[in-house]
Amino acid sequence: MTDAWTIAAVLKWATEDFRARGIESPRLDAEVLLSRAIGASRTQLVIDMMKPLAPEELARFREMVKRRRAREPVAYILGEREFYGRTFRVDARVLIPRPDTETLVDVALARTRDRSMCARVLDLCTGSGCVAITLARERPTTSVIAADASEGAVAVAAENALRLGAYNVRFAVCDLYGDLPRDFDLITANPPYIASGEIPGLSPDIEKFEPKLALDGGPDGFALIDRIVEGALAHLAPGGVLAMEVGAGQAERVESAMRARGFVAIERARDYARIERVVSGVWK
């Protein structure tokens, strides 16, 4: 690269480089990284395609390209990811928020409309805090506890809460329910649900960089799911709702487990890809 490289040339070079390395969205990744490197929107890139980049801009972009070549996720390179219309800080201590998880928020909000003014909410496996903080911001009069076994994840989530003005969220470092209070109106969870043996076959972006604690669901993927369902019995108020994200093909077994433990009005919700992603039920 020299100072004669234009935006168009740099994008072409990076896109071809990423494509040759098997990266799924080479052009998009190149545009997003270049936008950050030069402090311009992606729309501005199109307008200024023939504009040469300054040496310091090229240097910043080159470092980002090196990291992406190693399959580090774009969200970690940027240090942020959008979720439910808000920007969350993320790093290697937390799972990157996915659009699929917005379904969990939608379900949680819809199923607790009748107690939206003063609900007591527990979000397990909170990670970046995206679910807990979104629920808190959407319903500022609720009381939310966000819990995670990882101290690093809780630190990231607490920073996000401060940045996003979610002052009605408290945080706890514990193994699922730990010594948390009881009688919650809503429990949400996005637990690890990938079977241990499947993790080496995941995309390098996930397998090499995202925290194993947030991915590994045990031998069959249900290790934490089963514990969450069982523990909810002692932590939900009568009529309280449990809503949990699950992996593709897991919804039927989770519904059966909830039904066997006395949950009623069990529903399955599909994500944007039409996969049954969230199972929810009412504790009677």
Protein backbone atom coordinates (compact mmCIF):
# COMPACT_ATOMS: atom_id res chain seq x y z
CA MET A 1 0.00 0.00 0.00
CA THR A 2 1.13 3.54 -0.74
CA ASP A 3 -0.40 6.97 -0.24
CA ALA A 4 -1.81 6.68 -3.80
CA TRP A 5 -4.38 4.12 -2.74
CA THR A 6 -7.94 5.37 -3.05
CA ILE A 7 -10.98 4.19 -1.11
CA ALA A 8 -12.08 2.16 -4.14
CA ALA A 9 -8.69 0.49 -4.52
CA VAL A 10 -8.35 -0.30 -0.83
CA LEU A 11 -11.84 -1.79 -0.66
CA LYS A 12 -11.18 -3.93 -3.72
CA TRP A 13 -7.91 -5.18 -2.28
CA ALA A 14 -9.36 -6.00 1.16
CA THR A 15 -12.49 -7.63 -0.27
CA GLU A 16 -10.47 -9.93 -2.51
CA ASP A 17 -8.10 -10.75 0.34
CA PHE A 18 -10.96 -11.63 2.72
CA ARG A 19 -12.77 -13.66 0.06
CA ALA A 20 -9.66 -15.71 -0.62
CA ARG A 21 -9.46 -16.54 3.09
CA GLY A 22 -13.03 -17.86 3.20
CA ILE A 23 -14.54 -14.96 5.13
CA GLU A 24 -18.31 -15.02 4.61
CA SER A 25 -19.03 -11.33 4.02
CA PRO A 26 -15.80 -9.94 2.55
CA ARG A 27 -17.14 -6.71 1.04
CA LEU A 28 -19.27 -5.80 4.05
CA ASP A 29 -16.41 -6.47 6.46
CA ALA A 30 -14.03 -4.36 4.36
CA GLU A 31 -16.47 -1.45 4.25
CA VAL A 32 -17.23 -1.55 7.97
CA LEU A 33 -13.56 -1.66 8.93
CA LEU A 34 -12.57 1.08 6.50
CA SER A 35 -15.42 3.27 7.73
CA ARG A 36 -14.03 3.03 11.25
CA ALA A 37 -10.42 3.49 10.11
CA ILE A 38 -11.11 6.79 8.35
CA GLY A 39 -14.04 8.00 10.46
CA ALA A 40 -16.61 8.03 7.66
CA SER A 41 -19.98 6.39 7.08
CA ARG A 42 -20.36 3.61 4.52
CA THR A 43 -22.45 6.02 2.44
CA GLN A 44 -19.55 8.47 2.46
CA LEU A 45 -17.25 5.74 1.18
CA VAL A 46 -19.44 5.44 -1.92
CA ILE A 47 -19.44 9.20 -2.45
CA ASP A 48 -15.67 9.52 -2.02
CA MET A 49 -14.56 6.35 -3.84
CA MET A 50 -11.70 8.09 -5.67
CA LYS A 51 -10.38 9.91 -2.61
CA PRO A 52 -6.82 8.86 -1.64
CA LEU A 53 -6.29 7.73 1.93
CA ALA A 54 -3.83 9.47 4.21
CA PRO A 55 -0.88 7.39 5.49
CA GLU A 56 -2.29 7.23 9.03
CA GLU A 57 -5.66 6.05 7.68
CA LEU A 58 -3.96 3.32 5.69
CA ALA A 59 -1.98 2.27 8.75
CA ARG A 60 -5.12 1.97 10.89
CA PHE A 61 -6.91 0.01 8.19
CA ARG A 62 -3.93 -2.29 7.66
CA GLU A 63 -3.92 -3.24 11.36
CA MET A 64 -7.65 -3.98 11.22
CA VAL A 65 -7.19 -6.13 8.13
CA LYS A 66 -4.46 -8.13 9.88
CA ARG A 67 -6.81 -8.87 12.76
CA ARG A 68 -9.67 -9.84 10.45
CA ARG A 69 -7.34 -12.09 8.43
CA ALA A 70 -6.74 -14.00 11.66
CA ARG A 71 -10.56 -14.40 11.81
CA GLU A 72 -11.05 -12.10 14.77
CA PRO A 73 -14.71 -11.03 14.60
CA VAL A 74 -15.44 -7.54 13.29
CA ALA A 75 -17.36 -6.73 16.49
CA TYR A 76 -14.25 -7.34 18.59
CA ILE A 77 -12.10 -5.27 16.23
CA LEU A 78 -14.56 -2.38 16.46
CA GLY A 79 -15.22 -3.02 20.14
CA GLU A 80 -18.98 -2.76 19.73
CA ARG A 81 -22.12 -4.35 18.32
CA GLU A 82 -25.64 -3.04 17.79
CA PHE A 83 -28.50 -4.82 19.53
CA TYR A 84 -32.14 -3.72 19.60
CA GLY A 85 -31.19 -0.28 18.33
CA ARG A 86 -28.49 0.34 20.94
CA THR A 87 -24.72 0.05 20.70
CA PHE A 88 -23.10 -2.34 23.18
CA ARG A 89 -19.41 -2.53 23.97
CA VAL A 90 -18.02 -6.02 23.42
CA ASP A 91 -14.66 -7.75 23.70
CA ALA A 92 -13.36 -11.30 24.04
CA ARG A 93 -14.84 -11.58 27.55
CA VAL A 94 -18.39 -11.77 26.17
CA LEU A 95 -20.36 -13.44 23.42
CA ILE A 96 -21.16 -11.10 20.55
CA PRO A 97 -24.89 -10.19 20.59
CA ARG A 98 -26.79 -11.74 17.67
CA PRO A 99 -29.95 -10.51 15.96
CA ASP A 100 -31.56 -13.87 16.84
CA THR A 101 -31.42 -12.93 20.52
CA GLU A 102 -33.67 -9.94 19.87
CA THR A 103 -36.42 -12.56 19.65
CA LEU A 104 -35.82 -13.32 23.33
CA VAL A 105 -36.40 -9.67 24.19
CA ASP A 106 -39.55 -9.51 22.07
CA VAL A 107 -40.99 -12.59 23.76
CA ALA A 108 -40.08 -11.38 27.25
CA LEU A 109 -41.75 -8.02 26.68
CA ALA A 110 -44.85 -9.49 25.09
CA ARG A 111 -45.42 -12.10 27.79
CA THR A 112 -45.09 -9.67 30.71
CA ARG A 113 -47.24 -6.79 29.42
CA ASP A 114 -49.66 -7.23 32.32
CA ARG A 115 -46.93 -6.46 34.86
CA SER A 116 -44.80 -4.07 32.84
CA MET A 117 -44.81 -1.26 35.40
CA CYS A 118 -43.16 -3.04 38.32
CA ALA A 119 -41.83 -6.40 37.16
CA ARG A 120 -38.90 -8.07 38.90
CA VAL A 121 -36.62 -9.52 36.24
CA LEU A 122 -33.64 -11.89 36.34
CA ASP A 123 -31.41 -12.31 33.29
CA LEU A 124 -29.13 -15.35 33.51
CA CYS A 125 -25.93 -15.82 31.47
CA THR A 126 -26.10 -12.09 30.80
CA GLY A 127 -22.80 -11.74 28.93
CA SER A 128 -22.61 -8.22 27.52
CA GLY A 129 -25.86 -7.43 29.30
CA CYS A 130 -27.68 -6.87 26.02
CA VAL A 131 -30.90 -8.59 27.11
CA ALA A 132 -30.99 -7.28 30.68
CA ILE A 133 -30.14 -3.71 29.68
CA THR A 134 -32.60 -3.70 26.79
CA LEU A 135 -35.40 -4.90 29.06
CA ALA A 136 -34.44 -2.26 31.63
CA ARG A 137 -34.42 0.54 29.06
CA GLU A 138 -37.64 -0.56 27.42
CA ARG A 139 -39.32 -0.65 30.85
CA PRO A 140 -37.52 1.80 33.15
CA THR A 141 -39.80 1.09 36.13
CA THR A 142 -38.84 -2.58 36.30
CA SER A 143 -36.11 -3.97 38.55
CA VAL A 144 -33.54 -6.14 36.77
CA ILE A 145 -30.76 -8.38 38.06
CA ALA A 146 -28.18 -9.51 35.49
CA ALA A 147 -26.15 -12.56 36.49
CA ASP A 148 -23.20 -14.38 34.94
CA ALA A 149 -20.55 -16.84 36.11
CA SER A 150 -17.82 -14.76 34.45
CA GLU A 151 -16.47 -11.76 36.35
CA GLY A 152 -15.17 -10.35 33.07
CA ALA A 153 -18.59 -10.57 31.45
CA VAL A 154 -20.25 -8.84 34.39
CA ALA A 155 -17.66 -6.04 34.18
CA VAL A 156 -18.49 -5.51 30.50
CA ALA A 157 -22.23 -5.61 31.20
CA ALA A 158 -21.92 -3.10 34.05
CA GLU A 159 -20.01 -0.71 31.78
CA ASN A 160 -22.72 -1.05 29.14
CA ALA A 161 -25.43 -0.33 31.68
CA LEU A 162 -23.66 2.84 32.77
CA ARG A 163 -23.12 4.01 29.19
CA LEU A 164 -26.71 3.29 28.16
CA GLY A 165 -28.37 4.73 31.23
CA ALA A 166 -29.84 1.47 32.55
CA TYR A 167 -29.80 2.51 36.19
CA ASN A 168 -32.42 -0.05 37.19
CA VAL A 169 -30.04 -3.00 36.61
CA ARG A 170 -27.98 -4.67 39.33
CA PHE A 171 -25.29 -7.26 38.65
CA ALA A 172 -24.24 -10.53 40.25
CA VAL A 173 -21.36 -12.92 39.64
CA CYS A 174 -22.72 -16.39 40.36
CA ASP A 175 -23.32 -19.84 38.92
CA LEU A 176 -26.82 -19.41 37.53
CA TYR A 177 -29.18 -18.70 40.45
CA GLY A 178 -26.57 -18.77 43.22
CA ASP A 179 -27.94 -16.95 46.29
CA LEU A 180 -30.13 -14.61 44.27
CA PRO A 181 -33.56 -13.51 45.55
CA ARG A 182 -36.75 -15.33 44.61
CA ASP A 183 -40.21 -14.43 43.34
CA PHE A 184 -39.20 -13.00 39.97
CA ASP A 185 -41.92 -12.09 37.51
CA LEU A 186 -39.65 -12.88 34.58
CA ILE A 187 -36.52 -14.95 34.10
CA THR A 188 -34.68 -14.69 30.79
CA ALA A 189 -31.64 -16.67 29.73
CA ASN A 190 -29.41 -17.11 26.72
CA PRO A 191 -27.31 -20.00 28.00
CA PRO A 192 -24.56 -21.90 26.23
CA TYR A 193 -26.36 -24.58 24.22
CA ILE A 194 -23.78 -25.96 21.78
CA ALA A 195 -22.71 -29.56 22.43
CA SER A 196 -19.06 -29.74 23.50
CA GLY A 197 -18.09 -31.97 20.59
CA GLU A 198 -19.49 -29.52 18.04
CA ILE A 199 -17.41 -26.52 19.12
CA PRO A 200 -14.25 -27.47 17.14
CA GLY A 201 -16.39 -27.49 13.98
CA LEU A 202 -17.70 -23.96 14.41
CA SER A 203 -16.57 -21.04 12.27
CA PRO A 204 -13.03 -19.91 13.25
CA ASP A 205 -14.48 -16.52 14.13
CA ILE A 206 -16.46 -18.19 16.91
CA GLU A 207 -14.29 -21.16 17.87
CA LYS A 208 -11.04 -19.20 18.15
CA PHE A 209 -12.27 -15.98 19.70
CA GLU A 210 -15.61 -16.13 21.52
CA PRO A 211 -15.55 -17.33 25.16
CA LYS A 212 -16.00 -21.09 25.55
CA LEU A 213 -17.92 -20.52 28.78
CA ALA A 214 -20.66 -18.81 26.75
CA LEU A 215 -20.72 -21.53 24.06
CA ASP A 216 -20.23 -24.94 25.66
CA GLY A 217 -23.52 -26.50 26.73
CA GLY A 218 -22.03 -29.80 27.84
CA PRO A 219 -22.05 -33.18 26.10
CA ASP A 220 -25.55 -32.78 24.61
CA GLY A 221 -25.92 -28.99 24.79
CA PHE A 222 -28.52 -29.14 27.56
CA ALA A 223 -26.35 -28.98 30.70
CA LEU A 224 -27.29 -25.42 31.65
CA ILE A 225 -30.69 -25.44 29.96
CA ASP A 226 -31.89 -28.25 32.24
CA ARG A 227 -30.52 -26.50 35.34
CA ILE A 228 -32.20 -23.23 34.38
CA VAL A 229 -35.59 -24.88 33.94
CA GLU A 230 -35.28 -26.78 37.22
CA GLY A 231 -34.04 -23.76 39.18
CA ALA A 232 -36.79 -21.52 37.84
CA LEU A 233 -39.35 -23.41 39.93
CA ALA A 234 -37.92 -21.95 43.13
CA HIS A 235 -37.22 -18.48 41.74
CA LEU A 236 -40.38 -17.52 39.84
CA ALA A 237 -43.40 -15.92 41.46
CA PRO A 238 -46.75 -17.59 40.71
CA GLY A 239 -47.66 -16.62 37.17
CA GLY A 240 -44.07 -15.68 36.42
CA VAL A 241 -42.57 -16.30 32.99
CA LEU A 242 -39.44 -18.20 31.98
CA ALA A 243 -38.16 -17.28 28.49
CA MET A 244 -35.03 -18.95 27.17
CA GLU A 245 -33.07 -18.93 23.93
CA VAL A 246 -32.23 -22.39 22.61
CA GLY A 247 -30.33 -23.90 19.72
CA ALA A 248 -31.77 -25.13 16.44
CA GLY A 249 -33.67 -28.36 17.02
CA GLN A 250 -33.74 -28.03 20.82
CA ALA A 251 -37.14 -26.36 21.30
CA GLU A 252 -39.22 -29.54 21.47
CA ARG A 253 -37.13 -31.10 24.23
CA VAL A 254 -37.08 -27.85 26.21
CA GLU A 255 -40.85 -27.53 25.92
CA SER A 256 -41.25 -31.09 27.20
CA ALA A 257 -38.95 -30.38 30.15
CA MET A 258 -40.91 -27.25 31.06
CA ARG A 259 -44.25 -29.02 30.75
CA ALA A 260 -43.05 -31.88 32.94
CA ARG A 261 -42.17 -29.40 35.68
CA GLY A 262 -45.54 -27.70 35.69
CA PHE A 263 -45.18 -24.82 33.25
CA VAL A 264 -48.27 -23.93 31.24
CA ALA A 265 -49.05 -21.76 28.21
CA ILE A 266 -45.74 -22.83 26.68
CA GLU A 267 -44.88 -21.12 23.41
CA ARG A 268 -42.10 -21.40 20.84
CA ALA A 269 -41.00 -18.30 18.93
CA ARG A 270 -39.05 -18.25 15.69
CA ASP A 271 -36.13 -15.96 14.94
CA TYR A 272 -35.47 -14.01 11.73
CA ALA A 273 -34.30 -17.22 10.02
CA ARG A 274 -37.57 -18.97 11.00
CA ILE A 275 -35.74 -21.24 13.48
CA GLU A 276 -37.53 -22.02 16.75
CA ARG A 277 -35.26 -19.91 18.92
CA VAL A 278 -37.11 -19.06 22.16
CA VAL A 279 -39.19 -21.27 24.42
CA SER A 280 -41.29 -19.58 27.11
CA GLY A 281 -43.85 -20.66 29.65
CA VAL A 282 -45.80 -19.56 32.72
CA TRP A 283 -45.14 -21.03 36.15
CA LYS A 284 -48.42 -21.85 37.90
